[in-house]
């Protein structure tokens, strides 16, 4: 998606990736 200018878009997408990785790695196995 596009959020603000190119740099802002990259930062937002990077933040979503970091959040997704945290959720993936720190979700306990059930």
Protein backbone atom coordinates (compact mmCIF):
# COMPACT_ATOMS: atom_id res chain seq x y z
CA UNK A 1 0.00 0.00 0.00
CA UNK A 2 1.01 3.64 -0.19
CA UNK A 3 1.32 5.64 3.03
CA UNK A 4 2.73 9.13 2.67
CA UNK A 5 5.93 9.34 0.62
CA UNK A 6 8.18 6.44 -0.38
CA UNK A 7 10.36 6.60 2.73
CA UNK A 8 7.37 6.62 5.07
CA UNK A 9 5.85 3.71 3.16
CA UNK A 10 9.05 1.69 3.57
CA UNK A 11 9.22 2.45 7.30
CA UNK A 12 5.58 1.49 7.83
CA UNK A 13 5.98 -1.75 5.90
CA UNK A 14 9.16 -2.56 7.85
CA UNK A 15 7.30 -1.97 11.12
CA UNK A 16 4.54 -4.35 10.01
CA UNK A 17 7.17 -6.96 9.12
CA UNK A 18 8.84 -6.61 12.53
CA UNK A 19 5.49 -6.90 14.30
CA UNK A 20 4.61 -9.96 12.22
CA UNK A 21 7.93 -11.65 13.01
CA UNK A 22 7.51 -10.95 16.75
CA UNK A 23 4.01 -12.40 16.65
CA UNK A 24 5.31 -15.44 14.74
CA UNK A 25 8.36 -16.14 16.90
CA UNK A 26 6.85 -15.36 20.30
CA UNK A 27 3.51 -17.11 19.88
CA UNK A 28 3.68 -20.13 22.21
CA UNK A 29 3.09 -23.56 20.71
CA UNK A 30 -0.19 -25.19 21.65
